[in-house]
Every structure is written in C-alpha cells, then in structure tokens.
C-alpha cells in the first residue's frame, strides 16, 4: 500500500514537472510527517511514500535486520519509480544502522541497483546532515532500548563523530513511538542533551517531529536533527536540490 493509493496515471503526469524523492517507510506510525514536510517545503518537490512490510514491530536487533532485508525493500521500489521518483531513501534509522557501517553501505548499494536510482537511508542522512552543519560532538536521544541506541552510537563513531551522550528510552515498538506528542518529544530531546553536544539527534522515523522542529531547537538552543527531517533533506541532497526553508530547523537554513 502507498501513501498515494488510488492516484492514477493522470495525477502523476500532471505532477511530472516537479522533482520527486521516493521514500520506503516501514509500517505505519509517523508517515504523516512526509506530507507535512512536503507542504513546509512549499511544494517544490514531491515526496511520494511507499509502506514496506516491517514484519515484527520490534526494536530488537534480529527483527530490525529482517525489517531492513533486501527483499522487503525491493518490494516497494517499482511503485516509487512509477510515481516518478528520481532518488530513493530507506526511511528507517534502526533497520539500517543495525547492519553496521559496511552492512548499511551494502544495503543502500543493493537498493540503488534495484531502483536504478541514487539511494540512501536515514542512518546515512544523519551522518551527512551533521557533516553539512559542521558538528562533530553529538548527543543521541533515542526512543529505542539502550542496546539498540548503542548500535546507532557505534554507527556515528564509525563515521568519525564523537558521541558525548547516549540515551535510550526503552520503547520496543514503532506503534508506541508513533503516539508520542509534542511534550514527549521535547522531553526526550532535553533528557538526551549534553552541555558538550553541538547537536542532538533523535533517530526514529516512527517519531513525529516535523511540526515541532523550531520548538526543539528553541528549547535546546542548538541544532536538533530528527529522523524524518534528515531523511527528506538527504533525498534533496541526492537530487542536488538544496532548499532553504523556515520552520525546518538549522539544517534547512
């Protein structure tokens, strides 16, 4: 099933003049961040989204490795190509970084070959976004259990970053994360911050953040990078379409 289910060829033809980044999104939780982000970008690009079969909804390493398997990702690619995507991003942090630095590269390489398009994932989006901002001392404020948060920290360290603080929240399912509201998200960011951190990272695409990016940065007084935000930014990077927009945080300034 896709976010554009029921839309026919006429609609795609009418929108063909706009660039499109396609997103593979596991299950259903915070996928409504993507149309919100598309609107905040002023409609400059289309952000079609296809839901992948996530298998077991669990922030557990074995389940995440299966969630990010090549077969599960490949199943949604044709739909994104049909919708005119010129780049594809696997919109999931945990089911990319659990493969490790080399394994996550292989995951993206296989996705690019399958799609015949430039490809990336949310884990690499965080790395590229931090580099673009010139921040190297990072704090991780994760919804995940502590062991899974540790895999993200290891991934960032493999990219050359210094992780000065790591916080896991012990949430096992994306479904639960998707119910979190503004105060929950602000509380997570504050709890995960550290005085030495140049930026705070919230690595879960199941977490709604698009509506609260200015609030997060105002509360912490520093850049805050969130999963759906950096995923969309990464897609624009793949298209070589940098966009400056208010309301999307320091990354889009």
C-alpha atoms as a PDB file:
ATOM      1  CA  UNK A   1       0.000   0.000   0.000  1.00  0.00           C
ATOM      2  CA  UNK A   2       1.279   3.506  -0.769  1.00  0.00           C
ATOM      3  CA  UNK A   3       0.557   6.940   0.557  1.00  0.00           C
ATOM      4  CA  UNK A   4      -0.805   7.776  -2.913  1.00  0.00           C
ATOM      5  CA  UNK A   5      -3.036   4.704  -3.203  1.00  0.00           C
ATOM      6  CA  UNK A   6      -5.841   5.295  -5.682  1.00  0.00           C
ATOM      7  CA  UNK A   7      -3.983   8.007  -7.576  1.00  0.00           C
ATOM      8  CA  UNK A   8      -3.945   7.233 -11.271  1.00  0.00           C
ATOM      9  CA  UNK A   9      -1.598   7.978 -14.186  1.00  0.00           C
ATOM     10  CA  UNK A  10      -3.270  11.328 -14.863  1.00  0.00           C
ATOM     11  CA  UNK A  11      -2.181  12.679 -11.492  1.00  0.00           C
ATOM     12  CA  UNK A  12       1.395  11.508 -11.947  1.00  0.00           C
ATOM     13  CA  UNK A  13       1.511  13.015 -15.436  1.00  0.00           C
ATOM     14  CA  UNK A  14       0.223  16.338 -14.102  1.00  0.00           C
ATOM     15  CA  UNK A  15       2.936  16.375 -11.457  1.00  0.00           C
ATOM     16  CA  UNK A  16       5.717  15.224 -13.748  1.00  0.00           C
ATOM     17  CA  UNK A  17       7.207  18.707 -13.861  1.00  0.00           C
ATOM     18  CA  UNK A  18       8.193  18.525 -10.187  1.00  0.00           C
ATOM     19  CA  UNK A  19      11.146  16.510  -8.965  1.00  0.00           C
ATOM     20  CA  UNK A  20      10.271  13.641  -6.646  1.00  0.00           C
ATOM     21  CA  UNK A  21      12.166  11.808  -3.918  1.00  0.00           C
ATOM     22  CA  UNK A  22      10.684   8.430  -3.049  1.00  0.00           C
ATOM     23  CA  UNK A  23      10.671   7.029   0.469  1.00  0.00           C
ATOM     24  CA  UNK A  24      10.374   3.433   1.642  1.00  0.00           C
ATOM     25  CA  UNK A  25       8.772   3.618   5.071  1.00  0.00           C
ATOM     26  CA  UNK A  26       8.315   0.611   7.386  1.00  0.00           C
ATOM     27  CA  UNK A  27       4.752   0.114   8.593  1.00  0.00           C
ATOM     28  CA  UNK A  28       2.560   2.921   9.885  1.00  0.00           C
ATOM     29  CA  UNK A  29       3.434   5.366  12.651  1.00  0.00           C
ATOM     30  CA  UNK A  30       4.673   8.845  11.700  1.00  0.00           C
ATOM     31  CA  UNK A  31       4.382   8.703   7.909  1.00  0.00           C
ATOM     32  CA  UNK A  32       2.188  11.821   8.019  1.00  0.00           C
ATOM     33  CA  UNK A  33       5.386  13.794   8.703  1.00  0.00           C
ATOM     34  CA  UNK A  34       6.168  13.464   4.974  1.00  0.00           C
ATOM     35  CA  UNK A  35       3.176  15.341   3.520  1.00  0.00           C
ATOM     36  CA  UNK A  36       3.712  17.917   6.265  1.00  0.00           C
ATOM     37  CA  UNK A  37       7.351  18.305   5.251  1.00  0.00           C
ATOM     38  CA  UNK A  38       6.350  18.486   1.585  1.00  0.00           C
ATOM     39  CA  UNK A  39       3.997  21.357   2.446  1.00  0.00           C
ATOM     40  CA  UNK A  40       6.686  23.099   4.524  1.00  0.00           C
ATOM     41  CA  UNK A  41       8.985  22.855   1.504  1.00  0.00           C
ATOM     42  CA  UNK A  42       6.396  24.847  -0.418  1.00  0.00           C
ATOM     43  CA  UNK A  43       5.598  22.038  -2.834  1.00  0.00           C
ATOM     44  CA  UNK A  44       8.977  22.470  -4.531  1.00  0.00           C
ATOM     45  CA  UNK A  45       9.397  18.696  -4.662  1.00  0.00           C
ATOM     46  CA  UNK A  46       7.101  15.714  -4.336  1.00  0.00           C
ATOM     47  CA  UNK A  47       7.715  13.210  -1.552  1.00  0.00           C
ATOM     48  CA  UNK A  48       5.857  10.014  -2.512  1.00  0.00           C
ATOM     49  CA  UNK A  49       5.996   7.302   0.132  1.00  0.00           C
ATOM     50  CA  UNK A  50       5.524   3.547  -0.029  1.00  0.00           C
ATOM     51  CA  UNK A  51       4.923   1.460   3.094  1.00  0.00           C
ATOM     52  CA  UNK A  52       7.133  -1.606   3.372  1.00  0.00           C
ATOM     53  CA  UNK A  53       6.214  -4.768   5.244  1.00  0.00           C
ATOM     54  CA  UNK A  54       8.023  -4.358   8.536  1.00  0.00           C
ATOM     55  CA  UNK A  55       7.443  -7.931   9.720  1.00  0.00           C
ATOM     56  CA  UNK A  56       7.614  -7.852  13.510  1.00  0.00           C
ATOM     57  CA  UNK A  57       7.274  -4.387  15.020  1.00  0.00           C
ATOM     58  CA  UNK A  58      10.127  -4.584  17.495  1.00  0.00           C
ATOM     59  CA  UNK A  59      13.192  -2.501  18.272  1.00  0.00           C
ATOM     60  CA  UNK A  60      15.192  -5.695  18.602  1.00  0.00           C
ATOM     61  CA  UNK A  61      18.272  -6.416  16.522  1.00  0.00           C
ATOM     62  CA  UNK A  62      17.074  -9.647  14.890  1.00  0.00           C
ATOM     63  CA  UNK A  63      13.707  -8.108  13.972  1.00  0.00           C
ATOM     64  CA  UNK A  64      15.398  -4.978  12.624  1.00  0.00           C
ATOM     65  CA  UNK A  65      17.762  -6.980  10.430  1.00  0.00           C
ATOM     66  CA  UNK A  66      14.769  -8.716   8.870  1.00  0.00           C
ATOM     67  CA  UNK A  67      12.867  -5.410   8.535  1.00  0.00           C
ATOM     68  CA  UNK A  68      15.728  -3.966   6.508  1.00  0.00           C
ATOM     69  CA  UNK A  69      16.335  -7.007   4.329  1.00  0.00           C
ATOM     70  CA  UNK A  70      16.854  -6.505   0.604  1.00  0.00           C
ATOM     71  CA  UNK A  71      13.673  -8.379  -0.341  1.00  0.00           C
ATOM     72  CA  UNK A  72      11.449  -6.216   1.869  1.00  0.00           C
ATOM     73  CA  UNK A  73      12.917  -3.015   0.464  1.00  0.00           C
ATOM     74  CA  UNK A  74      12.852  -4.194  -3.139  1.00  0.00           C
ATOM     75  CA  UNK A  75       9.120  -4.911  -2.954  1.00  0.00           C
ATOM     76  CA  UNK A  76       8.243  -1.213  -2.813  1.00  0.00           C
ATOM     77  CA  UNK A  77      10.697   0.155  -5.351  1.00  0.00           C
ATOM     78  CA  UNK A  78       8.602  -0.313  -8.516  1.00  0.00           C
ATOM     79  CA  UNK A  79       5.779   1.749  -7.057  1.00  0.00           C
ATOM     80  CA  UNK A  80       8.120   4.646  -6.282  1.00  0.00           C
ATOM     81  CA  UNK A  81       9.600   4.508  -9.783  1.00  0.00           C
ATOM     82  CA  UNK A  82       6.069   4.547 -11.222  1.00  0.00           C
ATOM     83  CA  UNK A  83       5.397   7.679  -9.195  1.00  0.00           C
ATOM     84  CA  UNK A  84       8.359   9.424 -10.798  1.00  0.00           C
ATOM     85  CA  UNK A  85      10.942   9.199  -8.014  1.00  0.00           C
ATOM     86  CA  UNK A  86      14.410  10.282  -9.107  1.00  0.00           C
ATOM     87  CA  UNK A  87      16.047   9.100  -5.882  1.00  0.00           C
ATOM     88  CA  UNK A  88      15.053   6.659  -3.158  1.00  0.00           C
ATOM     89  CA  UNK A  89      15.667   6.786   0.592  1.00  0.00           C
ATOM     90  CA  UNK A  90      15.067   3.942   3.057  1.00  0.00           C
ATOM     91  CA  UNK A  91      13.221   5.945   5.705  1.00  0.00           C
ATOM     92  CA  UNK A  92      14.317   3.940   8.713  1.00  0.00           C
ATOM     93  CA  UNK A  93      17.199   4.528  11.086  1.00  0.00           C
ATOM     94  CA  UNK A  94      17.286   1.403  13.230  1.00  0.00           C
ATOM     95  CA  UNK A  95      16.851  -1.076  10.366  1.00  0.00           C
ATOM     96  CA  UNK A  96      19.829   0.462   8.626  1.00  0.00           C
ATOM     97  CA  UNK A  97      22.401   1.160  11.350  1.00  0.00           C
ATOM     98  CA  UNK A  98      21.974  -2.319  12.895  1.00  0.00           C
ATOM     99  CA  UNK A  99      23.728  -3.658   9.802  1.00  0.00           C
ATOM    100  CA  UNK A 100      26.857  -1.776  10.845  1.00  0.00           C
ATOM    101  CA  UNK A 101      28.813   0.723   8.774  1.00  0.00           C
ATOM    102  CA  UNK A 102      29.754  -1.686   5.986  1.00  0.00           C
ATOM    103  CA  UNK A 103      26.457  -3.542   6.012  1.00  0.00           C
ATOM    104  CA  UNK A 104      24.463  -0.308   5.791  1.00  0.00           C
ATOM    105  CA  UNK A 105      26.526   0.694   2.756  1.00  0.00           C
ATOM    106  CA  UNK A 106      25.729  -2.644   1.138  1.00  0.00           C
ATOM    107  CA  UNK A 107      22.022  -2.195   1.944  1.00  0.00           C
ATOM    108  CA  UNK A 108      21.993   1.156   0.142  1.00  0.00           C
ATOM    109  CA  UNK A 109      24.048  -0.178  -2.760  1.00  0.00           C
ATOM    110  CA  UNK A 110      21.551  -3.004  -3.322  1.00  0.00           C
ATOM    111  CA  UNK A 111      18.662  -0.552  -3.110  1.00  0.00           C
ATOM    112  CA  UNK A 112      20.284   1.701  -5.715  1.00  0.00           C
ATOM    113  CA  UNK A 113      20.837  -1.232  -8.068  1.00  0.00           C
ATOM    114  CA  UNK A 114      17.238  -2.420  -7.658  1.00  0.00           C
ATOM    115  CA  UNK A 115      15.802   1.042  -8.230  1.00  0.00           C
ATOM    116  CA  UNK A 116      18.286   2.141 -10.866  1.00  0.00           C
ATOM    117  CA  UNK A 117      18.408   5.420  -8.923  1.00  0.00           C
ATOM    118  CA  UNK A 118      20.573   7.168  -6.331  1.00  0.00           C
ATOM    119  CA  UNK A 119      19.717   5.755  -2.906  1.00  0.00           C
ATOM    120  CA  UNK A 120      20.451   6.285   0.753  1.00  0.00           C
ATOM    121  CA  UNK A 121      18.997   5.643   4.204  1.00  0.00           C
ATOM    122  CA  UNK A 122      18.128   7.618   7.318  1.00  0.00           C
ATOM    123  CA  UNK A 123      21.286   6.487   9.106  1.00  0.00           C
ATOM    124  CA  UNK A 124      23.478   7.998   6.405  1.00  0.00           C
ATOM    125  CA  UNK A 125      21.211  11.042   6.344  1.00  0.00           C
ATOM    126  CA  UNK A 126      22.189  11.757   9.955  1.00  0.00           C
ATOM    127  CA  UNK A 127      25.874  11.441   9.116  1.00  0.00           C
ATOM    128  CA  UNK A 128      25.640  13.690   6.062  1.00  0.00           C
ATOM    129  CA  UNK A 129      23.475  16.253   7.879  1.00  0.00           C
ATOM    130  CA  UNK A 130      25.895  16.512  10.806  1.00  0.00           C
ATOM    131  CA  UNK A 131      28.792  16.976   8.387  1.00  0.00           C
ATOM    132  CA  UNK A 132      26.876  19.648   6.479  1.00  0.00           C
ATOM    133  CA  UNK A 133      26.370  21.577   9.724  1.00  0.00           C
ATOM    134  CA  UNK A 134      29.978  21.059  10.766  1.00  0.00           C
ATOM    135  CA  UNK A 135      29.004  19.462  14.075  1.00  0.00           C
ATOM    136  CA  UNK A 136      31.126  16.587  15.368  1.00  0.00           C
ATOM    137  CA  UNK A 137      30.183  16.330  19.064  1.00  0.00           C
ATOM    138  CA  UNK A 138      26.765  14.725  19.147  1.00  0.00           C
ATOM    139  CA  UNK A 139      24.196  13.634  21.712  1.00  0.00           C
ATOM    140  CA  UNK A 140      21.856  10.758  20.912  1.00  0.00           C
ATOM    141  CA  UNK A 141      18.324  10.948  22.322  1.00  0.00           C
ATOM    142  CA  UNK A 142      16.690   7.725  21.207  1.00  0.00           C
ATOM    143  CA  UNK A 143      13.309   6.129  21.751  1.00  0.00           C
ATOM    144  CA  UNK A 144      14.935   2.687  21.485  1.00  0.00           C
ATOM    145  CA  UNK A 145      16.059   0.259  24.151  1.00  0.00           C
ATOM    146  CA  UNK A 146      19.586   1.044  25.303  1.00  0.00           C
ATOM    147  CA  UNK A 147      21.277  -1.748  23.357  1.00  0.00           C
ATOM    148  CA  UNK A 148      19.753  -0.580  20.071  1.00  0.00           C
ATOM    149  CA  UNK A 149      20.699   3.025  20.833  1.00  0.00           C
ATOM    150  CA  UNK A 150      24.237   1.737  21.303  1.00  0.00           C
ATOM    151  CA  UNK A 151      24.281   0.436  17.736  1.00  0.00           C
ATOM    152  CA  UNK A 152      23.428   3.929  16.487  1.00  0.00           C
ATOM    153  CA  UNK A 153      26.225   5.401  18.581  1.00  0.00           C
ATOM    154  CA  UNK A 154      28.644   2.865  17.094  1.00  0.00           C
ATOM    155  CA  UNK A 155      27.480   3.803  13.600  1.00  0.00           C
ATOM    156  CA  UNK A 156      28.086   7.504  14.251  1.00  0.00           C
ATOM    157  CA  UNK A 157      31.535   6.770  15.687  1.00  0.00           C
ATOM    158  CA  UNK A 158      32.376   4.755  12.580  1.00  0.00           C
ATOM    159  CA  UNK A 159      31.534   7.905  10.605  1.00  0.00           C
ATOM    160  CA  UNK A 160      34.082   9.860  12.645  1.00  0.00           C
ATOM    161  CA  UNK A 161      31.718  11.623  15.047  1.00  0.00           C
ATOM    162  CA  UNK A 162      32.213  11.965  18.789  1.00  0.00           C
ATOM    163  CA  UNK A 163      29.139  10.889  20.741  1.00  0.00           C
ATOM    164  CA  UNK A 164      29.234  12.751  24.049  1.00  0.00           C
ATOM    165  CA  UNK A 165      25.942  11.367  25.393  1.00  0.00           C
ATOM    166  CA  UNK A 166      23.623   8.469  24.592  1.00  0.00           C
ATOM    167  CA  UNK A 167      20.128   7.969  25.959  1.00  0.00           C
ATOM    168  CA  UNK A 168      17.785   5.084  25.230  1.00  0.00           C
ATOM    169  CA  UNK A 169      14.135   5.250  26.281  1.00  0.00           C
ATOM    170  CA  UNK A 170      13.304   1.553  26.261  1.00  0.00           C
ATOM    171  CA  UNK A 171      10.408   1.736  23.793  1.00  0.00           C
ATOM    172  CA  UNK A 172      10.067  -1.575  21.983  1.00  0.00           C
ATOM    173  CA  UNK A 173       7.587  -0.808  19.173  1.00  0.00           C
ATOM    174  CA  UNK A 174       7.237   1.837  16.486  1.00  0.00           C
ATOM    175  CA  UNK A 175       3.496   1.808  17.117  1.00  0.00           C
ATOM    176  CA  UNK A 176       4.046   3.166  20.622  1.00  0.00           C
ATOM    177  CA  UNK A 177       6.557   5.760  19.452  1.00  0.00           C
ATOM    178  CA  UNK A 178       4.021   6.998  16.889  1.00  0.00           C
ATOM    179  CA  UNK A 179       1.663   8.017  19.687  1.00  0.00           C
ATOM    180  CA  UNK A 180       4.150  10.435  21.272  1.00  0.00           C
ATOM    181  CA  UNK A 181       3.147  14.092  21.207  1.00  0.00           C
ATOM    182  CA  UNK A 182       4.935  17.414  21.427  1.00  0.00           C
ATOM    183  CA  UNK A 183       5.741  17.292  25.139  1.00  0.00           C
ATOM    184  CA  UNK A 184       7.041  13.720  24.880  1.00  0.00           C
ATOM    185  CA  UNK A 185       9.364  14.703  22.038  1.00  0.00           C
ATOM    186  CA  UNK A 186      10.597  17.836  23.803  1.00  0.00           C
ATOM    187  CA  UNK A 187      11.173  15.814  26.956  1.00  0.00           C
ATOM    188  CA  UNK A 188      13.187  13.229  25.037  1.00  0.00           C
ATOM    189  CA  UNK A 189      15.386  15.890  23.457  1.00  0.00           C
ATOM    190  CA  UNK A 190      16.001  17.668  26.755  1.00  0.00           C
ATOM    191  CA  UNK A 191      16.802  14.415  28.551  1.00  0.00           C
ATOM    192  CA  UNK A 192      19.268  13.395  25.861  1.00  0.00           C
ATOM    193  CA  UNK A 193      21.067  16.723  25.575  1.00  0.00           C
ATOM    194  CA  UNK A 194      24.548  17.317  26.973  1.00  0.00           C
ATOM    195  CA  UNK A 195      26.449  20.576  27.556  1.00  0.00           C
ATOM    196  CA  UNK A 196      29.277  19.420  25.280  1.00  0.00           C
ATOM    197  CA  UNK A 197      26.985  18.398  22.414  1.00  0.00           C
ATOM    198  CA  UNK A 198      26.949  20.643  19.356  1.00  0.00           C
ATOM    199  CA  UNK A 199      23.741  18.974  18.164  1.00  0.00           C
ATOM    200  CA  UNK A 200      21.174  16.496  19.447  1.00  0.00           C
ATOM    201  CA  UNK A 201      19.998  13.604  17.274  1.00  0.00           C
ATOM    202  CA  UNK A 202      16.549  11.945  17.555  1.00  0.00           C
ATOM    203  CA  UNK A 203      16.909   8.773  15.460  1.00  0.00           C
ATOM    204  CA  UNK A 204      13.493   7.206  14.880  1.00  0.00           C
ATOM    205  CA  UNK A 205      11.292   7.750  11.811  1.00  0.00           C
ATOM    206  CA  UNK A 206       8.353   6.439  13.870  1.00  0.00           C
ATOM    207  CA  UNK A 207       8.605   9.630  15.952  1.00  0.00           C
ATOM    208  CA  UNK A 208       6.545  12.648  14.892  1.00  0.00           C
ATOM    209  CA  UNK A 209       8.818  15.707  14.826  1.00  0.00           C
ATOM    210  CA  UNK A 210       8.047  17.719  11.670  1.00  0.00           C
ATOM    211  CA  UNK A 211       5.607  20.040  13.438  1.00  0.00           C
ATOM    212  CA  UNK A 212       7.965  20.813  16.317  1.00  0.00           C
ATOM    213  CA  UNK A 213      11.384  21.416  14.776  1.00  0.00           C
ATOM    214  CA  UNK A 214      11.521  25.125  15.748  1.00  0.00           C
ATOM    215  CA  UNK A 215      10.279  24.265  19.257  1.00  0.00           C
ATOM    216  CA  UNK A 216      13.004  21.658  19.694  1.00  0.00           C
ATOM    217  CA  UNK A 217      15.810  24.000  18.709  1.00  0.00           C
ATOM    218  CA  UNK A 218      14.389  26.846  20.786  1.00  0.00           C
ATOM    219  CA  UNK A 219      14.224  24.567  23.832  1.00  0.00           C
ATOM    220  CA  UNK A 220      17.801  23.307  23.477  1.00  0.00           C
ATOM    221  CA  UNK A 221      19.480  26.350  21.936  1.00  0.00           C
ATOM    222  CA  UNK A 222      21.330  24.226  19.390  1.00  0.00           C
ATOM    223  CA  UNK A 223      20.639  22.254  16.209  1.00  0.00           C
ATOM    224  CA  UNK A 224      18.336  19.263  16.628  1.00  0.00           C
ATOM    225  CA  UNK A 225      18.353  16.638  13.895  1.00  0.00           C
ATOM    226  CA  UNK A 226      15.348  14.344  13.705  1.00  0.00           C
ATOM    227  CA  UNK A 227      14.875  11.233  11.620  1.00  0.00           C
ATOM    228  CA  UNK A 228      12.141  12.323   9.212  1.00  0.00           C
ATOM    229  CA  UNK A 229      13.685  15.776   8.830  1.00  0.00           C
ATOM    230  CA  UNK A 230      17.131  14.449   7.842  1.00  0.00           C
ATOM    231  CA  UNK A 231      15.599  11.746   5.643  1.00  0.00           C
ATOM    232  CA  UNK A 232      13.866  14.350   3.490  1.00  0.00           C
ATOM    233  CA  UNK A 233      16.995  16.529   3.474  1.00  0.00           C
ATOM    234  CA  UNK A 234      19.010  13.503   2.311  1.00  0.00           C
ATOM    235  CA  UNK A 235      16.626  12.946  -0.574  1.00  0.00           C
ATOM    236  CA  UNK A 236      17.067  16.549  -1.668  1.00  0.00           C
ATOM    237  CA  UNK A 237      20.837  16.095  -1.395  1.00  0.00           C
ATOM    238  CA  UNK A 238      20.639  13.096  -3.722  1.00  0.00           C
ATOM    239  CA  UNK A 239      18.742  15.249  -6.232  1.00  0.00           C
ATOM    240  CA  UNK A 240      21.240  18.086  -5.773  1.00  0.00           C
ATOM    241  CA  UNK A 241      18.272  20.258  -4.805  1.00  0.00           C
ATOM    242  CA  UNK A 242      19.261  22.060  -1.581  1.00  0.00           C
ATOM    243  CA  UNK A 243      16.334  24.091  -0.257  1.00  0.00           C
ATOM    244  CA  UNK A 244      16.265  26.819   2.358  1.00  0.00           C
ATOM    245  CA  UNK A 245      13.000  26.945   4.269  1.00  0.00           C
ATOM    246  CA  UNK A 246      11.898  28.429   7.609  1.00  0.00           C
ATOM    247  CA  UNK A 247      10.325  26.100  10.115  1.00  0.00           C
ATOM    248  CA  UNK A 248      12.538  23.120   9.289  1.00  0.00           C
ATOM    249  CA  UNK A 249      15.409  23.750  11.676  1.00  0.00           C
ATOM    250  CA  UNK A 250      19.011  24.834  11.267  1.00  0.00           C
ATOM    251  CA  UNK A 251      19.585  22.106   8.680  1.00  0.00           C
ATOM    252  CA  UNK A 252      17.390  23.983   6.202  1.00  0.00           C
ATOM    253  CA  UNK A 253      18.700  27.489   6.927  1.00  0.00           C
END
